[in-house]
Amino acid sequence: MKLFRLDDLDAERAAHQGAYLRFLRERHMSAGLYALSPGDTDTQQPHEQDEVYVVVSGRACLTVGDETAVVARGCVVHVPAGVPHRFHHITEELRVLVVFSPPED
């Protein structure tokens, strides 16, 4: 078993001054914590893996392909591999648990 605490992961991510911290990589999946503040620009590109986003805190709009939705704490979103997507109009500090399958490189 591997146990992670979100507060510890967020502190580690912030210490490395990055928006994303990959904290787990296994044979069939990987996981990370993604953080954006109001006014930040989400610069991610489409990924070769399917993704699941679990919004831990915050509020923003998320566009996946040609669909846009407001996401906030408790939302879970599947993003298919290869589909353009981005968070925008971030109104509250956003923390998102990201799961990739297969694992990201």
PDB file of N, CA and C in Angstrom:
ATOM      1  N   MET A   1       0.852  -1.181   0.000  1.00  0.00           N
ATOM      2  CA  MET A   1       0.000   0.000   0.000  1.00  0.00           C
ATOM      3  C   MET A   1       0.894   1.238   0.000  1.00  0.00           C
ATOM      4  N   LYS A   2       0.433   2.235  -0.704  1.00  0.00           N
ATOM      5  CA  LYS A   2       1.067   3.551  -0.672  1.00  0.00           C
ATOM      6  C   LYS A   2      -0.001   4.531  -0.218  1.00  0.00           C
ATOM      7  N   LEU A   3       0.329   5.344   0.762  1.00  0.00           N
ATOM      8  CA  LEU A   3      -0.615   6.299   1.328  1.00  0.00           C
ATOM      9  C   LEU A   3      -0.078   7.705   1.101  1.00  0.00           C
ATOM     10  N   PHE A   4      -0.931   8.579   0.587  1.00  0.00           N
ATOM     11  CA  PHE A   4      -0.545   9.962   0.315  1.00  0.00           C
ATOM     12  C   PHE A   4      -1.538  10.890   1.000  1.00  0.00           C
ATOM     13  N   ARG A   5      -1.038  12.004   1.495  1.00  0.00           N
ATOM     14  CA  ARG A   5      -1.888  13.029   2.100  1.00  0.00           C
ATOM     15  C   ARG A   5      -1.845  14.252   1.184  1.00  0.00           C
ATOM     16  N   LEU A   6      -3.035  14.714   0.806  1.00  0.00           N
ATOM     17  CA  LEU A   6      -3.114  15.817  -0.157  1.00  0.00           C
ATOM     18  C   LEU A   6      -2.373  17.060   0.308  1.00  0.00           C
ATOM     19  N   ASP A   7      -2.449  17.376   1.591  1.00  0.00           N
ATOM     20  CA  ASP A   7      -1.740  18.561   2.085  1.00  0.00           C
ATOM     21  C   ASP A   7      -0.236  18.410   1.886  1.00  0.00           C
ATOM     22  N   ASP A   8       0.305  17.216   2.138  1.00  0.00           N
ATOM     23  CA  ASP A   8       1.733  16.978   1.937  1.00  0.00           C
ATOM     24  C   ASP A   8       2.103  17.068   0.463  1.00  0.00           C
ATOM     25  N   LEU A   9       1.261  16.492  -0.395  1.00  0.00           N
ATOM     26  CA  LEU A   9       1.523  16.553  -1.839  1.00  0.00           C
ATOM     27  C   LEU A   9       1.501  17.993  -2.338  1.00  0.00           C
ATOM     28  N   ASP A  10       0.544  18.763  -1.851  1.00  0.00           N
ATOM     29  CA  ASP A  10       0.439  20.154  -2.288  1.00  0.00           C
ATOM     30  C   ASP A  10       1.647  20.955  -1.813  1.00  0.00           C
ATOM     31  N   ALA A  11       2.127  20.687  -0.610  1.00  0.00           N
ATOM     32  CA  ALA A  11       3.317  21.374  -0.110  1.00  0.00           C
ATOM     33  C   ALA A  11       4.543  21.004  -0.942  1.00  0.00           C
ATOM     34  N   GLU A  12       4.673  19.733  -1.313  1.00  0.00           N
ATOM     35  CA  GLU A  12       5.795  19.305  -2.147  1.00  0.00           C
ATOM     36  C   GLU A  12       5.723  19.952  -3.529  1.00  0.00           C
ATOM     37  N   ARG A  13       4.510  19.990  -4.098  1.00  0.00           N
ATOM     38  CA  ARG A  13       4.326  20.629  -5.409  1.00  0.00           C
ATOM     39  C   ARG A  13       4.735  22.092  -5.342  1.00  0.00           C
ATOM     40  N   ALA A  14       4.285  22.791  -4.322  1.00  0.00           N
ATOM     41  CA  ALA A  14       4.596  24.211  -4.178  1.00  0.00           C
ATOM     42  C   ALA A  14       6.097  24.437  -3.962  1.00  0.00           C
ATOM     43  N   ALA A  15       6.740  23.546  -3.221  1.00  0.00           N
ATOM     44  CA  ALA A  15       8.177  23.672  -2.965  1.00  0.00           C
ATOM     45  C   ALA A  15       8.996  23.568  -4.254  1.00  0.00           C
ATOM     46  N   HIS A  16       8.459  22.835  -5.226  1.00  0.00           N
ATOM     47  CA  HIS A  16       9.132  22.699  -6.516  1.00  0.00           C
ATOM     48  C   HIS A  16       8.674  23.765  -7.512  1.00  0.00           C
ATOM     49  N   GLN A  17       7.840  24.683  -7.036  1.00  0.00           N
ATOM     50  CA  GLN A  17       7.352  25.822  -7.810  1.00  0.00           C
ATOM     51  C   GLN A  17       6.750  25.412  -9.152  1.00  0.00           C
ATOM     52  N   GLY A  18       5.950  24.379  -9.131  1.00  0.00           N
ATOM     53  CA  GLY A  18       5.295  23.928 -10.352  1.00  0.00           C
ATOM     54  C   GLY A  18       3.812  23.743 -10.134  1.00  0.00           C
ATOM     55  N   ALA A  19       3.068  23.731 -11.225  1.00  0.00           N
ATOM     56  CA  ALA A  19       1.626  23.523 -11.135  1.00  0.00           C
ATOM     57  C   ALA A  19       1.280  22.051 -10.999  1.00  0.00           C
ATOM     58  N   TYR A  20       2.207  21.139 -11.372  1.00  0.00           N
ATOM     59  CA  TYR A  20       1.894  19.719 -11.395  1.00  0.00           C
ATOM     60  C   TYR A  20       2.964  18.913 -10.669  1.00  0.00           C
ATOM     61  N   LEU A  21       2.514  17.961  -9.876  1.00  0.00           N
ATOM     62  CA  LEU A  21       3.405  17.035  -9.189  1.00  0.00           C
ATOM     63  C   LEU A  21       2.914  15.619  -9.447  1.00  0.00           C
ATOM     64  N   ARG A  22       3.702  14.835 -10.170  1.00  0.00           N
ATOM     65  CA  ARG A  22       3.364  13.415 -10.296  1.00  0.00           C
ATOM     66  C   ARG A  22       3.901  12.723  -9.055  1.00  0.00           C
ATOM     67  N   PHE A  23       3.018  12.040  -8.344  1.00  0.00           N
ATOM     68  CA  PHE A  23       3.436  11.398  -7.105  1.00  0.00           C
ATOM     69  C   PHE A  23       3.342   9.878  -7.162  1.00  0.00           C
ATOM     70  N   LEU A  24       2.822   9.338  -8.259  1.00  0.00           N
ATOM     71  CA  LEU A  24       2.700   7.891  -8.374  1.00  0.00           C
ATOM     72  C   LEU A  24       2.815   7.482  -9.834  1.00  0.00           C
ATOM     73  N   ARG A  25       3.611   6.461 -10.082  1.00  0.00           N
ATOM     74  CA  ARG A  25       3.698   5.884 -11.425  1.00  0.00           C
ATOM     75  C   ARG A  25       3.803   4.383 -11.271  1.00  0.00           C
ATOM     76  N   GLU A  26       2.810   3.696 -11.775  1.00  0.00           N
ATOM     77  CA  GLU A  26       2.755   2.237 -11.732  1.00  0.00           C
ATOM     78  C   GLU A  26       2.653   1.707 -13.159  1.00  0.00           C
ATOM     79  N   ARG A  27       2.602   0.416 -13.291  1.00  0.00           N
ATOM     80  CA  ARG A  27       2.607  -0.210 -14.620  1.00  0.00           C
ATOM     81  C   ARG A  27       1.422   0.217 -15.489  1.00  0.00           C
ATOM     82  N   HIS A  28       0.244   0.357 -14.899  1.00  0.00           N
ATOM     83  CA  HIS A  28      -0.961   0.627 -15.693  1.00  0.00           C
ATOM     84  C   HIS A  28      -1.566   2.008 -15.482  1.00  0.00           C
ATOM     85  N   MET A  29      -0.987   2.786 -14.566  1.00  0.00           N
ATOM     86  CA  MET A  29      -1.548   4.115 -14.319  1.00  0.00           C
ATOM     87  C   MET A  29      -0.541   4.987 -13.605  1.00  0.00           C
ATOM     88  N   SER A  30      -0.803   6.288 -13.624  1.00  0.00           N
ATOM     89  CA  SER A  30      -0.022   7.234 -12.834  1.00  0.00           C
ATOM     90  C   SER A  30      -0.987   8.270 -12.264  1.00  0.00           C
ATOM     91  N   ALA A  31      -0.522   8.988 -11.245  1.00  0.00           N
ATOM     92  CA  ALA A  31      -1.378   9.987 -10.609  1.00  0.00           C
ATOM     93  C   ALA A  31      -0.547  11.201 -10.247  1.00  0.00           C
ATOM     94  N   GLY A  32      -1.220  12.345 -10.264  1.00  0.00           N
ATOM     95  CA  GLY A  32      -0.558  13.585  -9.910  1.00  0.00           C
ATOM     96  C   GLY A  32      -1.532  14.577  -9.311  1.00  0.00           C
ATOM     97  N   LEU A  33      -0.983  15.657  -8.810  1.00  0.00           N
ATOM     98  CA  LEU A  33      -1.776  16.753  -8.270  1.00  0.00           C
ATOM     99  C   LEU A  33      -1.494  17.987  -9.116  1.00  0.00           C
ATOM    100  N   TYR A  34      -2.556  18.604  -9.610  1.00  0.00           N
ATOM    101  CA  TYR A  34      -2.460  19.776 -10.478  1.00  0.00           C
ATOM    102  C   TYR A  34      -3.089  20.947  -9.737  1.00  0.00           C
ATOM    103  N   ALA A  35      -2.431  22.099  -9.756  1.00  0.00           N
ATOM    104  CA  ALA A  35      -2.927  23.269  -9.038  1.00  0.00           C
ATOM    105  C   ALA A  35      -2.835  24.508  -9.917  1.00  0.00           C
ATOM    106  N   LEU A  36      -3.898  25.280  -9.918  1.00  0.00           N
ATOM    107  CA  LEU A  36      -3.940  26.543 -10.646  1.00  0.00           C
ATOM    108  C   LEU A  36      -4.609  27.595  -9.767  1.00  0.00           C
ATOM    109  N   SER A  37      -4.113  28.822  -9.866  1.00  0.00           N
ATOM    110  CA  SER A  37      -4.678  29.942  -9.114  1.00  0.00           C
ATOM    111  C   SER A  37      -5.493  30.827 -10.048  1.00  0.00           C
ATOM    112  N   PRO A  38      -6.397  31.644  -9.487  1.00  0.00           N
ATOM    113  CA  PRO A  38      -7.105  32.593 -10.338  1.00  0.00           C
ATOM    114  C   PRO A  38      -6.097  33.426 -11.133  1.00  0.00           C
ATOM    115  N   GLY A  39      -6.354  33.577 -12.424  1.00  0.00           N
ATOM    116  CA  GLY A  39      -5.463  34.322 -13.301  1.00  0.00           C
ATOM    117  C   GLY A  39      -4.416  33.470 -13.988  1.00  0.00           C
ATOM    118  N   ASP A  40      -4.189  32.236 -13.505  1.00  0.00           N
ATOM    119  CA  ASP A  40      -3.234  31.346 -14.171  1.00  0.00           C
ATOM    120  C   ASP A  40      -3.781  30.886 -15.517  1.00  0.00           C
ATOM    121  N   THR A  41      -2.865  30.522 -16.414  1.00  0.00           N
ATOM    122  CA  THR A  41      -3.225  29.958 -17.714  1.00  0.00           C
ATOM    123  C   THR A  41      -2.864  28.488 -17.724  1.00  0.00           C
ATOM    124  N   ASP A  42      -3.818  27.663 -18.093  1.00  0.00           N
ATOM    125  CA  ASP A  42      -3.601  26.224 -18.215  1.00  0.00           C
ATOM    126  C   ASP A  42      -3.013  25.966 -19.597  1.00  0.00           C
ATOM    127  N   THR A  43      -1.767  25.564 -19.647  1.00  0.00           N
ATOM    128  CA  THR A  43      -1.058  25.414 -20.916  1.00  0.00           C
ATOM    129  C   THR A  43      -0.937  23.960 -21.367  1.00  0.00           C
ATOM    130  N   GLN A  44      -1.633  23.052 -20.699  1.00  0.00           N
ATOM    131  CA  GLN A  44      -1.464  21.642 -21.064  1.00  0.00           C
ATOM    132  C   GLN A  44      -1.957  21.357 -22.477  1.00  0.00           C
ATOM    133  N   GLN A  45      -1.348  20.360 -23.070  1.00  0.00           N
ATOM    134  CA  GLN A  45      -1.688  19.891 -24.412  1.00  0.00           C
ATOM    135  C   GLN A  45      -2.410  18.547 -24.284  1.00  0.00           C
ATOM    136  N   PRO A  46      -3.107  18.102 -25.339  1.00  0.00           N
ATOM    137  CA  PRO A  46      -3.756  16.788 -25.269  1.00  0.00           C
ATOM    138  C   PRO A  46      -2.731  15.696 -24.925  1.00  0.00           C
ATOM    139  N   HIS A  47      -3.182  14.738 -24.150  1.00  0.00           N
ATOM    140  CA  HIS A  47      -2.320  13.648 -23.703  1.00  0.00           C
ATOM    141  C   HIS A  47      -2.616  12.380 -24.486  1.00  0.00           C
ATOM    142  N   GLU A  48      -1.660  11.480 -24.516  1.00  0.00           N
ATOM    143  CA  GLU A  48      -1.838  10.195 -25.196  1.00  0.00           C
ATOM    144  C   GLU A  48      -2.600   9.196 -24.328  1.00  0.00           C
ATOM    145  N   GLN A  49      -2.871   9.560 -23.092  1.00  0.00           N
ATOM    146  CA  GLN A  49      -3.553   8.679 -22.145  1.00  0.00           C
ATOM    147  C   GLN A  49      -4.950   9.212 -21.817  1.00  0.00           C
ATOM    148  N   ASP A  50      -5.836   8.305 -21.431  1.00  0.00           N
ATOM    149  CA  ASP A  50      -7.092   8.728 -20.830  1.00  0.00           C
ATOM    150  C   ASP A  50      -6.755   9.346 -19.473  1.00  0.00           C
ATOM    151  N   GLU A  51      -7.596  10.300 -19.054  1.00  0.00           N
ATOM    152  CA  GLU A  51      -7.401  10.945 -17.760  1.00  0.00           C
ATOM    153  C   GLU A  51      -8.704  10.969 -16.990  1.00  0.00           C
ATOM    154  N   VAL A  52      -8.575  10.935 -15.682  1.00  0.00           N
ATOM    155  CA  VAL A  52      -9.697  11.211 -14.792  1.00  0.00           C
ATOM    156  C   VAL A  52      -9.258  12.351 -13.892  1.00  0.00           C
ATOM    157  N   TYR A  53     -10.073  13.401 -13.844  1.00  0.00           N
ATOM    158  CA  TYR A  53      -9.845  14.528 -12.940  1.00  0.00           C
ATOM    159  C   TYR A  53     -10.817  14.401 -11.766  1.00  0.00           C
ATOM    160  N   VAL A  54     -10.302  14.563 -10.563  1.00  0.00           N
ATOM    161  CA  VAL A  54     -11.134  14.661  -9.362  1.00  0.00           C
ATOM    162  C   VAL A  54     -10.818  16.016  -8.746  1.00  0.00           C
ATOM    163  N   VAL A  55     -11.790  16.916  -8.770  1.00  0.00           N
ATOM    164  CA  VAL A  55     -11.575  18.254  -8.234  1.00  0.00           C
ATOM    165  C   VAL A  55     -11.645  18.178  -6.709  1.00  0.00           C
ATOM    166  N   VAL A  56     -10.513  18.479  -6.081  1.00  0.00           N
ATOM    167  CA  VAL A  56     -10.391  18.410  -4.631  1.00  0.00           C
ATOM    168  C   VAL A  56     -10.856  19.717  -3.996  1.00  0.00           C
ATOM    169  N   SER A  57     -10.538  20.831  -4.644  1.00  0.00           N
ATOM    170  CA  SER A  57     -10.963  22.139  -4.140  1.00  0.00           C
ATOM    171  C   SER A  57     -10.913  23.148  -5.275  1.00  0.00           C
ATOM    172  N   GLY A  58     -11.613  24.263  -5.064  1.00  0.00           N
ATOM    173  CA  GLY A  58     -11.597  25.342  -6.041  1.00  0.00           C
ATOM    174  C   GLY A  58     -12.773  25.324  -6.986  1.00  0.00           C
ATOM    175  N   ARG A  59     -12.693  26.233  -7.963  1.00  0.00           N
ATOM    176  CA  ARG A  59     -13.778  26.389  -8.940  1.00  0.00           C
ATOM    177  C   ARG A  59     -13.200  26.977 -10.212  1.00  0.00           C
ATOM    178  N   ALA A  60     -13.630  26.419 -11.355  1.00  0.00           N
ATOM    179  CA  ALA A  60     -13.152  26.890 -12.661  1.00  0.00           C
ATOM    180  C   ALA A  60     -14.083  26.354 -13.733  1.00  0.00           C
ATOM    181  N   CYS A  61     -13.859  26.793 -14.950  1.00  0.00           N
ATOM    182  CA  CYS A  61     -14.486  26.178 -16.109  1.00  0.00           C
ATOM    183  C   CYS A  61     -13.489  25.195 -16.697  1.00  0.00           C
ATOM    184  N   LEU A  62     -14.001  24.117 -17.245  1.00  0.00           N
ATOM    185  CA  LEU A  62     -13.177  23.128 -17.921  1.00  0.00           C
ATOM    186  C   LEU A  62     -13.786  22.891 -19.290  1.00  0.00           C
ATOM    187  N   THR A  63     -12.965  23.074 -20.322  1.00  0.00           N
ATOM    188  CA  THR A  63     -13.401  22.775 -21.678  1.00  0.00           C
ATOM    189  C   THR A  63     -12.686  21.515 -22.127  1.00  0.00           C
ATOM    190  N   VAL A  64     -13.467  20.551 -22.587  1.00  0.00           N
ATOM    191  CA  VAL A  64     -12.955  19.291 -23.128  1.00  0.00           C
ATOM    192  C   VAL A  64     -13.568  19.153 -24.520  1.00  0.00           C
ATOM    193  N   GLY A  65     -12.710  19.199 -25.541  1.00  0.00           N
ATOM    194  CA  GLY A  65     -13.240  19.202 -26.906  1.00  0.00           C
ATOM    195  C   GLY A  65     -14.076  20.447 -27.107  1.00  0.00           C
ATOM    196  N   ASP A  66     -15.353  20.262 -27.471  1.00  0.00           N
ATOM    197  CA  ASP A  66     -16.236  21.416 -27.674  1.00  0.00           C
ATOM    198  C   ASP A  66     -17.264  21.570 -26.556  1.00  0.00           C
ATOM    199  N   GLU A  67     -17.035  20.891 -25.420  1.00  0.00           N
ATOM    200  CA  GLU A  67     -17.935  20.983 -24.274  1.00  0.00           C
ATOM    201  C   GLU A  67     -17.261  21.743 -23.141  1.00  0.00           C
ATOM    202  N   THR A  68     -18.036  22.611 -22.471  1.00  0.00           N
ATOM    203  CA  THR A  68     -17.532  23.370 -21.326  1.00  0.00           C
ATOM    204  C   THR A  68     -18.477  23.189 -20.159  1.00  0.00           C
ATOM    205  N   ALA A  69     -17.886  23.011 -18.965  1.00  0.00           N
ATOM    206  CA  ALA A  69     -18.673  22.870 -17.746  1.00  0.00           C
ATOM    207  C   ALA A  69     -17.952  23.589 -16.616  1.00  0.00           C
ATOM    208  N   VAL A  70     -18.727  24.042 -15.638  1.00  0.00           N
ATOM    209  CA  VAL A  70     -18.152  24.575 -14.411  1.00  0.00           C
ATOM    210  C   VAL A  70     -17.841  23.379 -13.524  1.00  0.00           C
ATOM    211  N   VAL A  71     -16.607  23.342 -12.997  1.00  0.00           N
ATOM    212  CA  VAL A  71     -16.210  22.262 -12.098  1.00  0.00           C
ATOM    213  C   VAL A  71     -15.816  22.857 -10.755  1.00  0.00           C
ATOM    214  N   ALA A  72     -16.104  22.106  -9.708  1.00  0.00           N
ATOM    215  CA  ALA A  72     -15.798  22.519  -8.342  1.00  0.00           C
ATOM    216  C   ALA A  72     -15.588  21.259  -7.509  1.00  0.00           C
ATOM    217  N   ARG A  73     -15.269  21.453  -6.239  1.00  0.00           N
ATOM    218  CA  ARG A  73     -15.006  20.339  -5.334  1.00  0.00           C
ATOM    219  C   ARG A  73     -16.045  19.232  -5.512  1.00  0.00           C
ATOM    220  N   GLY A  74     -15.552  18.010  -5.681  1.00  0.00           N
ATOM    221  CA  GLY A  74     -16.433  16.858  -5.805  1.00  0.00           C
ATOM    222  C   GLY A  74     -16.727  16.442  -7.238  1.00  0.00           C
ATOM    223  N   CYS A  75     -16.370  17.251  -8.219  1.00  0.00           N
ATOM    224  CA  CYS A  75     -16.595  16.877  -9.614  1.00  0.00           C
ATOM    225  C   CYS A  75     -15.546  15.864 -10.056  1.00  0.00           C
ATOM    226  N   VAL A  76     -15.984  14.906 -10.852  1.00  0.00           N
ATOM    227  CA  VAL A  76     -15.110  13.902 -11.451  1.00  0.00           C
ATOM    228  C   VAL A  76     -15.347  13.944 -12.950  1.00  0.00           C
ATOM    229  N   VAL A  77     -14.259  14.089 -13.728  1.00  0.00           N
ATOM    230  CA  VAL A  77     -14.377  14.253 -15.175  1.00  0.00           C
ATOM    231  C   VAL A  77     -13.447  13.281 -15.876  1.00  0.00           C
ATOM    232  N   HIS A  78     -13.959  12.611 -16.908  1.00  0.00           N
ATOM    233  CA  HIS A  78     -13.117  11.774 -17.765  1.00  0.00           C
ATOM    234  C   HIS A  78     -12.751  12.593 -18.992  1.00  0.00           C
ATOM    235  N   VAL A  79     -11.448  12.602 -19.323  1.00  0.00           N
ATOM    236  CA  VAL A  79     -10.959  13.265 -20.526  1.00  0.00           C
ATOM    237  C   VAL A  79     -10.338  12.186 -21.413  1.00  0.00           C
ATOM    238  N   PRO A  80     -10.941  11.895 -22.572  1.00  0.00           N
ATOM    239  CA  PRO A  80     -10.388  10.862 -23.447  1.00  0.00           C
ATOM    240  C   PRO A  80      -9.022  11.245 -24.006  1.00  0.00           C
ATOM    241  N   ALA A  81      -8.211  10.256 -24.260  1.00  0.00           N
ATOM    242  CA  ALA A  81      -6.884  10.473 -24.839  1.00  0.00           C
ATOM    243  C   ALA A  81      -6.997  11.265 -26.138  1.00  0.00           C
ATOM    244  N   GLY A  82      -6.076  12.209 -26.330  1.00  0.00           N
ATOM    245  CA  GLY A  82      -5.998  12.960 -27.576  1.00  0.00           C
ATOM    246  C   GLY A  82      -6.944  14.132 -27.708  1.00  0.00           C
ATOM    247  N   VAL A  83      -7.838  14.340 -26.742  1.00  0.00           N
ATOM    248  CA  VAL A  83      -8.826  15.424 -26.855  1.00  0.00           C
ATOM    249  C   VAL A  83      -8.273  16.693 -26.197  1.00  0.00           C
ATOM    250  N   PRO A  84      -8.284  17.834 -26.910  1.00  0.00           N
ATOM    251  CA  PRO A  84      -7.832  19.091 -26.303  1.00  0.00           C
ATOM    252  C   PRO A  84      -8.703  19.439 -25.090  1.00  0.00           C
ATOM    253  N   HIS A  85      -8.063  19.953 -24.054  1.00  0.00           N
ATOM    254  CA  HIS A  85      -8.794  20.324 -22.845  1.00  0.00           C
ATOM    255  C   HIS A  85      -7.983  21.349 -22.063  1.00  0.00           C
ATOM    256  N   ARG A  86      -8.704  22.168 -21.263  1.00  0.00           N
ATOM    257  CA  ARG A  86      -8.026  23.157 -20.431  1.00  0.00           C
ATOM    258  C   ARG A  86      -8.983  23.711 -19.388  1.00  0.00           C
ATOM    259  N   PHE A  87      -8.394  24.091 -18.260  1.00  0.00           N
ATOM    260  CA  PHE A  87      -9.128  24.818 -17.235  1.00  0.00           C
ATOM    261  C   PHE A  87      -9.000  26.305 -17.543  1.00  0.00           C
ATOM    262  N   HIS A  88     -10.054  27.066 -17.280  1.00  0.00           N
ATOM    263  CA  HIS A  88     -10.029  28.513 -17.505  1.00  0.00           C
ATOM    264  C   HIS A  88     -11.065  29.172 -16.599  1.00  0.00           C
ATOM    265  N   HIS A  89     -11.062  30.480 -16.582  1.00  0.00           N
ATOM    266  CA  HIS A  89     -11.958  31.240 -15.694  1.00  0.00           C
ATOM    267  C   HIS A  89     -11.910  30.664 -14.274  1.00  0.00           C
ATOM    268  N   ILE A  90     -10.702  30.553 -13.759  1.00  0.00           N
ATOM    269  CA  ILE A  90     -10.487  29.998 -12.425  1.00  0.00           C
ATOM    270  C   ILE A  90     -10.842  31.080 -11.408  1.00  0.00           C
ATOM    271  N   THR A  91     -11.850  30.803 -10.577  1.00  0.00           N
ATOM    272  CA  THR A  91     -12.309  31.810  -9.623  1.00  0.00           C
ATOM    273  C   THR A  91     -11.882  31.494  -8.194  1.00  0.00           C
ATOM    274  N   GLU A  92     -11.490  30.252  -7.922  1.00  0.00           N
ATOM    275  CA  GLU A  92     -10.997  29.852  -6.603  1.00  0.00           C
ATOM    276  C   GLU A  92      -9.804  28.933  -6.816  1.00  0.00           C
ATOM    277  N   GLU A  93      -8.825  28.989  -5.914  1.00  0.00           N
ATOM    278  CA  GLU A  93      -7.643  28.129  -5.996  1.00  0.00           C
ATOM    279  C   GLU A  93      -8.069  26.701  -6.340  1.00  0.00           C
ATOM    280  N   LEU A  94      -7.557  26.191  -7.442  1.00  0.00           N
ATOM    281  CA  LEU A  94      -7.975  24.895  -7.962  1.00  0.00           C
ATOM    282  C   LEU A  94      -6.940  23.831  -7.632  1.00  0.00           C
ATOM    283  N   ARG A  95      -7.387  22.721  -7.039  1.00  0.00           N
ATOM    284  CA  ARG A  95      -6.541  21.554  -6.780  1.00  0.00           C
ATOM    285  C   ARG A  95      -7.261  20.352  -7.376  1.00  0.00           C
ATOM    286  N   VAL A  96      -6.558  19.653  -8.281  1.00  0.00           N
ATOM    287  CA  VAL A  96      -7.178  18.555  -9.020  1.00  0.00           C
ATOM    288  C   VAL A  96      -6.283  17.323  -8.924  1.00  0.00           C
ATOM    289  N   LEU A  97      -6.848  16.222  -8.498  1.00  0.00           N
ATOM    290  CA  LEU A  97      -6.176  14.936  -8.536  1.00  0.00           C
ATOM    291  C   LEU A  97      -6.337  14.399  -9.950  1.00  0.00           C
ATOM    292  N   VAL A  98      -5.218  14.012 -10.583  1.00  0.00           N
ATOM    293  CA  VAL A  98      -5.218  13.560 -11.975  1.00  0.00           C
ATOM    294  C   VAL A  98      -4.743  12.109 -12.020  1.00  0.00           C
ATOM    295  N   VAL A  99      -5.516  11.259 -12.695  1.00  0.00           N
ATOM    296  CA  VAL A  99      -5.127   9.863 -12.870  1.00  0.00           C
ATOM    297  C   VAL A  99      -5.022   9.596 -14.371  1.00  0.00           C
ATOM    298  N   PHE A 100      -3.863   9.098 -14.803  1.00  0.00           N
ATOM    299  CA  PHE A 100      -3.619   8.748 -16.206  1.00  0.00           C
ATOM    300  C   PHE A 100      -3.594   7.234 -16.351  1.00  0.00           C
ATOM    301  N   SER A 101      -4.189   6.745 -17.441  1.00  0.00           N
ATOM    302  CA  SER A 101      -4.081   5.322 -17.766  1.00  0.00           C
ATOM    303  C   SER A 101      -4.026   5.190 -19.290  1.00  0.00           C
ATOM    304  N   PRO A 102      -2.987   4.555 -19.805  1.00  0.00           N
ATOM    305  CA  PRO A 102      -1.794   4.043 -19.122  1.00  0.00           C
ATOM    306  C   PRO A 102      -1.015   5.196 -18.515  1.00  0.00           C
ATOM    307  N   PRO A 103       0.069   4.907 -17.772  1.00  0.00           N
ATOM    308  CA  PRO A 103       0.793   5.981 -17.084  1.00  0.00           C
ATOM    309  C   PRO A 103       1.393   6.989 -18.056  1.00  0.00           C
ATOM    310  N   GLU A 104       1.477   8.226 -17.587  1.00  0.00           N
ATOM    311  CA  GLU A 104       2.133   9.276 -18.370  1.00  0.00           C
ATOM    312  C   GLU A 104       3.629   9.016 -18.403  1.00  0.00           C
ATOM    313  N   ASP A 105       4.291   9.549 -19.415  1.00  0.00           N
ATOM    314  CA  ASP A 105       5.746   9.401 -19.502  1.00  0.00           C
ATOM    315  C   ASP A 105       6.460  10.335 -18.574  1.00  0.00           C
TER     316      ASP A 105
END
